[in-house]
Amino acid sequence: MTSLDATPTAGATPPGTKTTTMTLGKALNAGLRRAMQDDDHVVLLGEDVGALGGVFRITEGLQDEFGAQRVVDAPLAESAIVGAAIGLALRGYRPVCEIQFDGFIYPAFDQIVSQLAKMRARSGGRVTLPVVIRVPVGGGIGAVEHHSESNEAYFAHTAGLRVVSCADPGDSYRLIRAAIASDDPVIFYEPKRRYWDKGPVDLDAAPASLDRARVLREGRDVTLVAHGPTVKTALAAAEAATEDGFSVGVVDLRTISPLDMDTLMRCAETTGRMVVVHEASTFLGIGAEIAAAITEACFHVLEAPVLRVGSYNLPYPPAKVEDDFLPDVDRVLDAVDRALKF
């Protein structure tokens, strides 16, 4: 299994010449800054994104640098934020909206699903809406309900939207720039409990591909498939499995919609066993779609059913029990053991 990624653009600065260590949150900030420097049509809008710099400080300093005309503090009205972004996109801008917390996106659901996702098809391809909607996603920060959702399946099910989920600082920097450059509307999920994780960021790297997964770790026995916050969990589980003599690979989906089925199929053919890990409920989740698609395409090489590890089909619980609700290394290893017993 090999890692797939975007081909650098012609004339791009060779990668690795400006690498630094930063948190995932700072990497997103740097990616937004770079996109705004490269294109005057990129504008940011959302609740508290300007003077405060966002609840998680992802847009910190950008209003000072680019002005209140390009970094706009919006009212507490998610439907209005997305509606305004659609209007800006129709006028040639590339708006980037911030939804403060994942559970706050529902007031904008009609704008996203009925308008944003359908405009290109409705116009026969003549009108594009290059809108990015940034969404801090998932649990693990001790927050109350409406602040710890994993709602990616709603939007992955909606034709016309790209759904992206970043996992580490270096890739987040590249993915946010790619999302802003895309002519398709993008739901961009940021794992809030990973905002403070540090890693290398190549500031000269080209934007990432929005339809290619990353094979982060090669394996012979089982493939773990994850995205966003559970990528780190999957990597920890794969490392722990080596103590029992098993070789476990890890794939970071990066893009939930569209899925990179070519990479997933190659990994399934290599290991014969696959476990999908995500924070959302396993009922009608992304894991169910991957399990069905891989079973249809790779049934003849599978040694075990494609298994899923996720949260329970319940409303998000009080913070004091969220560690029991969210998938952890032990639950992933249990699924690996079950896959290996077939």
Protein backbone atom coordinates (compact mmCIF):
# COMPACT_ATOMS: atom_id res chain seq x y z
CA MET A 1 0.00 0.00 0.00
CA THR A 2 1.33 3.43 -0.90
CA SER A 3 0.30 6.92 0.09
CA LEU A 4 -1.57 8.87 -2.57
CA ASP A 5 -1.62 12.63 -2.77
CA ALA A 6 -1.88 15.56 -5.12
CA THR A 7 0.80 16.15 -7.73
CA PRO A 8 2.64 19.43 -7.02
CA THR A 9 1.77 22.21 -9.42
CA ALA A 10 4.29 23.21 -12.06
CA GLY A 11 6.76 25.75 -10.78
CA ALA A 12 5.85 25.15 -7.13
CA THR A 13 8.55 25.62 -4.51
CA PRO A 14 10.11 22.26 -3.61
CA PRO A 15 8.49 20.86 -0.44
CA GLY A 16 10.33 20.83 2.85
CA THR A 17 12.06 24.20 2.47
CA LYS A 18 9.87 25.98 5.02
CA THR A 19 8.79 23.36 7.54
CA THR A 20 7.84 24.30 11.07
CA THR A 21 6.08 22.68 14.04
CA MET A 22 2.67 24.03 15.00
CA THR A 23 -0.67 22.93 16.39
CA LEU A 24 -3.51 21.85 14.13
CA GLY A 25 -5.37 25.05 15.01
CA LYS A 26 -2.41 27.23 14.07
CA ALA A 27 -1.94 25.25 10.86
CA LEU A 28 -5.52 26.03 9.85
CA ASN A 29 -4.90 29.68 10.68
CA ALA A 30 -1.81 29.63 8.47
CA GLY A 31 -3.73 27.94 5.67
CA LEU A 32 -6.49 30.55 5.80
CA ARG A 33 -3.91 33.35 5.80
CA ARG A 34 -2.13 31.85 2.79
CA ALA A 35 -5.39 31.48 0.86
CA MET A 36 -6.32 35.10 1.61
CA GLN A 37 -2.89 36.31 0.53
CA ASP A 38 -3.10 34.35 -2.71
CA ASP A 39 -6.63 35.46 -3.66
CA ASP A 40 -8.31 38.76 -2.75
CA HIS A 41 -11.71 37.14 -3.36
CA VAL A 42 -11.37 34.90 -0.27
CA VAL A 43 -13.46 36.29 2.59
CA LEU A 44 -14.23 34.89 6.05
CA LEU A 45 -17.50 35.25 7.92
CA GLY A 46 -18.98 33.79 11.05
CA GLU A 47 -19.81 34.41 14.68
CA ASP A 48 -16.87 36.04 16.50
CA VAL A 49 -14.36 35.21 13.74
CA GLY A 50 -13.04 38.77 13.61
CA ALA A 51 -12.22 40.65 16.80
CA LEU A 52 -12.20 37.51 18.96
CA GLY A 53 -10.54 35.28 16.37
CA GLY A 54 -13.13 32.52 16.77
CA VAL A 55 -14.03 30.43 19.82
CA PHE A 56 -11.01 28.21 19.15
CA ARG A 57 -8.89 31.14 17.85
CA ILE A 58 -8.59 29.62 14.39
CA THR A 59 -9.05 33.03 12.73
CA GLU A 60 -7.00 34.95 15.30
CA GLY A 61 -5.19 37.96 13.85
CA LEU A 62 -6.74 37.69 10.40
CA GLN A 63 -9.10 40.65 10.79
CA ASP A 64 -6.18 42.82 11.91
CA GLU A 65 -4.23 41.74 8.84
CA PHE A 66 -6.94 41.80 6.18
CA GLY A 67 -9.54 44.16 7.60
CA ALA A 68 -13.18 43.91 8.62
CA GLN A 69 -14.30 43.90 4.98
CA ARG A 70 -12.72 40.46 4.48
CA VAL A 71 -13.07 38.97 7.97
CA VAL A 72 -16.67 39.66 8.93
CA ASP A 73 -18.25 39.18 12.35
CA ALA A 74 -21.73 37.86 11.60
CA PRO A 75 -24.91 37.79 13.73
CA LEU A 76 -25.85 34.66 15.66
CA ALA A 77 -27.77 33.24 12.69
CA GLU A 78 -26.26 30.27 10.89
CA SER A 79 -28.88 30.29 8.12
CA ALA A 80 -28.05 33.93 7.41
CA ILE A 81 -24.31 33.22 7.42
CA VAL A 82 -24.62 30.48 4.79
CA GLY A 83 -27.20 32.47 2.83
CA ALA A 84 -24.87 35.48 2.70
CA ALA A 85 -22.02 33.20 1.61
CA ILE A 86 -24.13 31.88 -1.26
CA GLY A 87 -24.80 35.45 -2.38
CA LEU A 88 -21.12 36.33 -2.14
CA ALA A 89 -20.18 33.26 -4.19
CA LEU A 90 -22.69 34.26 -6.88
CA ARG A 91 -20.85 37.60 -7.07
CA GLY A 92 -17.45 35.97 -7.59
CA TYR A 93 -16.12 35.70 -4.05
CA ARG A 94 -14.81 32.60 -2.27
CA PRO A 95 -16.42 32.80 1.16
CA VAL A 96 -15.30 30.67 4.09
CA CYS A 97 -17.95 30.35 6.81
CA GLU A 98 -17.30 29.24 10.36
CA ILE A 99 -19.97 27.37 12.30
CA GLN A 100 -18.92 27.77 15.94
CA PHE A 101 -19.84 24.21 16.94
CA ASP A 102 -21.00 21.20 14.95
CA GLY A 103 -24.42 21.13 16.62
CA PHE A 104 -25.08 24.74 15.56
CA ILE A 105 -25.17 23.88 11.85
CA TYR A 106 -28.77 22.66 11.82
CA PRO A 107 -30.42 26.10 11.43
CA ALA A 108 -28.45 26.38 8.15
CA PHE A 109 -29.39 22.88 6.97
CA ASP A 110 -31.99 24.07 4.45
CA GLN A 111 -29.60 26.63 2.92
CA ILE A 112 -26.88 23.98 2.61
CA VAL A 113 -28.97 21.09 1.28
CA SER A 114 -31.62 22.91 -0.75
CA GLN A 115 -29.53 25.73 -2.21
CA LEU A 116 -25.75 25.38 -1.81
CA ALA A 117 -25.56 21.73 -2.84
CA LYS A 118 -27.93 22.03 -5.81
CA MET A 119 -27.05 25.29 -7.55
CA ARG A 120 -24.45 23.83 -9.91
CA ALA A 121 -26.76 21.05 -11.10
CA ARG A 122 -29.76 23.41 -11.20
CA SER A 123 -27.87 25.75 -13.55
CA GLY A 124 -26.59 22.96 -15.78
CA GLY A 125 -23.05 23.60 -14.58
CA ARG A 126 -23.06 27.30 -15.47
CA VAL A 127 -23.05 28.53 -11.85
CA THR A 128 -20.57 27.39 -9.22
CA LEU A 129 -20.67 28.14 -5.51
CA PRO A 130 -17.13 27.88 -4.10
CA VAL A 131 -18.22 28.09 -0.46
CA VAL A 132 -16.32 26.43 2.40
CA ILE A 133 -18.16 25.78 5.67
CA ARG A 134 -15.72 25.12 8.51
CA VAL A 135 -17.16 22.97 11.29
CA PRO A 136 -15.37 22.07 14.55
CA VAL A 137 -16.51 18.48 15.02
CA GLY A 138 -16.67 15.67 17.56
CA GLY A 139 -16.34 15.19 21.28
CA GLY A 140 -13.54 14.83 23.75
CA ILE A 141 -13.43 18.38 25.14
CA GLY A 142 -15.92 18.02 28.00
CA ALA A 143 -18.62 20.10 26.31
CA VAL A 144 -22.38 19.94 26.70
CA GLU A 145 -24.83 18.69 24.05
CA HIS A 146 -24.97 20.56 20.72
CA HIS A 147 -21.19 21.06 21.08
CA SER A 148 -20.00 17.50 20.41
CA GLU A 149 -21.84 16.24 17.33
CA SER A 150 -20.57 14.01 14.53
CA ASN A 151 -23.00 14.82 11.73
CA GLU A 152 -20.91 14.10 8.64
CA ALA A 153 -23.31 11.46 7.29
CA TYR A 154 -26.04 14.06 6.73
CA PHE A 155 -23.86 16.00 4.32
CA ALA A 156 -22.03 13.06 2.74
CA HIS A 157 -25.50 11.80 1.76
CA THR A 158 -26.19 15.10 -0.02
CA ALA A 159 -25.16 15.11 -3.68
CA GLY A 160 -23.32 18.26 -4.71
CA LEU A 161 -21.26 18.69 -1.54
CA ARG A 162 -17.69 17.71 -0.85
CA VAL A 163 -17.11 16.59 2.74
CA VAL A 164 -13.54 16.88 4.04
CA SER A 165 -12.17 15.82 7.44
CA CYS A 166 -8.65 16.87 8.46
CA ALA A 167 -6.62 14.95 11.02
CA ASP A 168 -3.17 16.46 11.63
CA PRO A 169 -1.47 19.86 11.33
CA GLY A 170 0.46 19.30 8.09
CA ASP A 171 -2.48 17.90 6.19
CA SER A 172 -4.92 20.44 7.63
CA TYR A 173 -2.81 23.27 6.20
CA ARG A 174 -2.93 21.71 2.76
CA LEU A 175 -6.56 20.58 2.86
CA ILE A 176 -8.05 23.95 3.88
CA ARG A 177 -6.25 25.63 0.98
CA ALA A 178 -7.49 22.95 -1.42
CA ALA A 179 -11.04 23.33 -0.12
CA ILE A 180 -10.98 27.09 -0.67
CA ALA A 181 -9.61 26.62 -4.20
CA SER A 182 -12.35 24.13 -5.10
CA ASP A 183 -15.29 25.29 -7.21
CA ASP A 184 -17.53 22.85 -5.34
CA PRO A 185 -19.06 23.69 -1.96
CA VAL A 186 -17.11 22.00 0.84
CA ILE A 187 -18.14 21.01 4.35
CA PHE A 188 -14.77 21.12 6.13
CA TYR A 189 -14.67 19.22 9.43
CA GLU A 190 -12.00 20.11 12.00
CA PRO A 191 -11.49 17.71 14.96
CA LYS A 192 -11.82 20.08 17.90
CA ARG A 193 -10.09 17.78 20.40
CA ARG A 194 -7.05 17.70 18.09
CA TYR A 195 -6.74 21.49 17.72
CA TRP A 196 -3.84 21.53 20.19
CA ASP A 197 -1.96 18.51 18.77
CA LYS A 198 1.40 19.53 17.29
CA GLY A 199 3.11 18.33 14.14
CA PRO A 200 5.30 19.41 11.22
CA VAL A 201 3.80 21.76 8.65
CA ASP A 202 5.45 22.38 5.29
CA LEU A 203 4.40 25.94 4.48
CA ASP A 204 5.63 25.51 0.89
CA ALA A 205 3.60 22.36 0.24
CA ALA A 206 1.04 22.39 -2.55
CA PRO A 207 -2.66 22.13 -1.64
CA ALA A 208 -3.74 18.54 -1.03
CA SER A 209 -5.98 16.47 -3.26
CA LEU A 210 -9.64 16.47 -2.24
CA ASP A 211 -10.30 12.96 -3.53
CA ARG A 212 -7.30 10.97 -2.31
CA ALA A 213 -6.96 9.08 0.96
CA ARG A 214 -3.62 8.72 2.78
CA VAL A 215 -2.13 5.40 3.78
CA LEU A 216 -0.39 6.43 6.99
CA ARG A 217 0.78 2.97 7.99
CA GLU A 218 1.13 -0.17 5.93
CA GLY A 219 -0.16 -3.47 7.27
CA ARG A 220 -0.46 -7.13 6.32
CA ASP A 221 -3.20 -8.42 8.65
CA VAL A 222 -5.87 -5.73 9.12
CA THR A 223 -6.59 -2.27 7.71
CA LEU A 224 -8.01 0.43 9.99
CA VAL A 225 -9.91 3.19 8.19
CA ALA A 226 -10.50 6.47 10.05
CA HIS A 227 -10.96 10.18 9.54
CA GLY A 228 -10.58 13.36 11.56
CA PRO A 229 -10.36 12.79 15.33
CA THR A 230 -10.17 8.99 15.14
CA VAL A 231 -7.06 8.88 12.95
CA LYS A 232 -4.87 9.35 16.02
CA THR A 233 -6.87 6.65 17.83
CA ALA A 234 -6.39 4.25 14.93
CA LEU A 235 -2.64 4.89 14.80
CA ALA A 236 -2.36 4.21 18.55
CA ALA A 237 -4.33 0.98 18.17
CA ALA A 238 -2.14 -0.14 15.26
CA GLU A 239 0.98 0.49 17.29
CA ALA A 240 -0.45 -1.43 20.26
CA ALA A 241 -1.32 -4.39 18.00
CA THR A 242 2.36 -4.82 17.11
CA GLU A 243 2.96 -5.98 20.71
CA ASP A 244 0.81 -9.02 19.90
CA GLY A 245 2.67 -9.61 16.65
CA PHE A 246 0.04 -8.23 14.27
CA SER A 247 0.65 -5.89 11.35
CA VAL A 248 -2.14 -3.30 11.18
CA GLY A 249 -2.38 -0.62 8.50
CA VAL A 250 -4.08 2.76 8.87
CA VAL A 251 -5.86 4.80 6.20
CA ASP A 252 -6.88 8.42 6.73
CA LEU A 253 -9.90 9.04 4.49
CA ARG A 254 -9.37 12.82 4.37
CA THR A 255 -12.36 13.17 2.04
CA ILE A 256 -15.56 11.48 3.17
CA SER A 257 -17.36 12.51 0.00
CA PRO A 258 -16.22 11.48 -2.49
CA LEU A 259 -14.63 8.34 -1.04
CA ASP A 260 -11.31 7.21 -2.46
CA MET A 261 -12.51 3.69 -3.22
CA ASP A 262 -9.38 2.81 -5.22
CA THR A 263 -7.17 3.16 -2.15
CA LEU A 264 -9.67 1.38 0.11
CA MET A 265 -9.99 -1.53 -2.31
CA ARG A 266 -6.21 -1.89 -2.62
CA CYS A 267 -5.89 -2.00 1.17
CA ALA A 268 -8.71 -4.55 1.49
CA GLU A 269 -7.03 -6.73 -1.10
CA THR A 270 -3.71 -6.48 0.77
CA THR A 271 -4.96 -7.39 4.26
CA GLY A 272 -8.28 -9.15 3.64
CA ARG A 273 -9.67 -7.52 6.78
CA MET A 274 -10.94 -3.98 7.40
CA VAL A 275 -12.23 -2.07 10.43
CA VAL A 276 -13.76 1.41 10.05
CA VAL A 277 -13.47 3.78 13.02
CA HIS A 278 -15.42 7.03 13.49
CA GLU A 279 -16.96 9.02 16.34
CA ALA A 280 -20.45 9.06 14.83
CA SER A 281 -22.98 6.34 15.53
CA THR A 282 -22.36 3.21 13.50
CA PHE A 283 -26.07 3.15 12.52
CA LEU A 284 -26.29 4.48 8.94
CA GLY A 285 -22.84 6.05 9.35
CA ILE A 286 -19.86 6.38 7.00
CA GLY A 287 -18.61 3.00 8.22
CA ALA A 288 -21.79 1.34 6.96
CA GLU A 289 -21.26 2.79 3.48
CA ILE A 290 -17.62 1.70 3.38
CA ALA A 291 -18.52 -1.77 4.64
CA ALA A 292 -21.16 -2.18 1.94
CA ALA A 293 -18.98 -0.81 -0.85
CA ILE A 294 -15.92 -2.90 0.08
CA THR A 295 -18.04 -6.04 0.48
CA GLU A 296 -19.51 -5.54 -3.00
CA ALA A 297 -16.16 -4.81 -4.63
CA CYS A 298 -13.81 -7.11 -2.68
CA PHE A 299 -15.94 -9.99 -1.45
CA HIS A 300 -13.69 -12.55 -3.14
CA VAL A 301 -10.59 -11.45 -1.16
CA LEU A 302 -12.09 -10.64 2.23
CA GLU A 303 -11.17 -12.97 5.09
CA ALA A 304 -13.73 -11.41 7.46
CA PRO A 305 -16.69 -9.02 7.39
CA VAL A 306 -15.84 -5.31 7.36
CA LEU A 307 -16.35 -4.26 10.99
CA ARG A 308 -17.30 -0.86 12.42
CA VAL A 309 -16.32 0.91 15.62
CA GLY A 310 -18.14 4.09 16.59
CA SER A 311 -20.30 5.75 19.16
CA TYR A 312 -23.69 4.46 20.22
CA ASN A 313 -26.98 5.39 18.57
CA LEU A 314 -27.89 7.77 21.39
CA PRO A 315 -27.91 11.53 21.95
CA TYR A 316 -24.50 12.75 23.07
CA PRO A 317 -24.16 12.07 26.81
CA PRO A 318 -23.01 14.32 29.68
CA ALA A 319 -19.32 15.10 29.50
CA LYS A 320 -18.47 12.97 32.54
CA VAL A 321 -19.26 9.78 30.60
CA GLU A 322 -18.14 10.79 27.11
CA ASP A 323 -14.98 8.69 27.40
CA ASP A 324 -17.23 5.62 27.58
CA PHE A 325 -19.30 6.85 24.64
CA LEU A 326 -16.50 7.62 22.19
CA PRO A 327 -14.45 4.86 20.50
CA ASP A 328 -11.06 4.32 22.10
CA VAL A 329 -7.99 2.17 21.53
CA ASP A 330 -9.42 -0.79 23.47
CA ARG A 331 -12.61 -0.89 21.42
CA VAL A 332 -10.62 -0.67 18.19
CA LEU A 333 -8.32 -3.50 19.31
CA ASP A 334 -11.36 -5.60 20.21
CA ALA A 335 -12.62 -5.19 16.64
CA VAL A 336 -9.17 -6.11 15.30
CA ASP A 337 -9.23 -9.29 17.41
CA ARG A 338 -12.71 -10.18 16.16
CA ALA A 339 -11.64 -9.65 12.55
CA LEU A 340 -8.58 -11.85 13.02
CA LYS A 341 -10.64 -14.71 14.50
CA PHE A 342 -12.60 -15.24 11.28
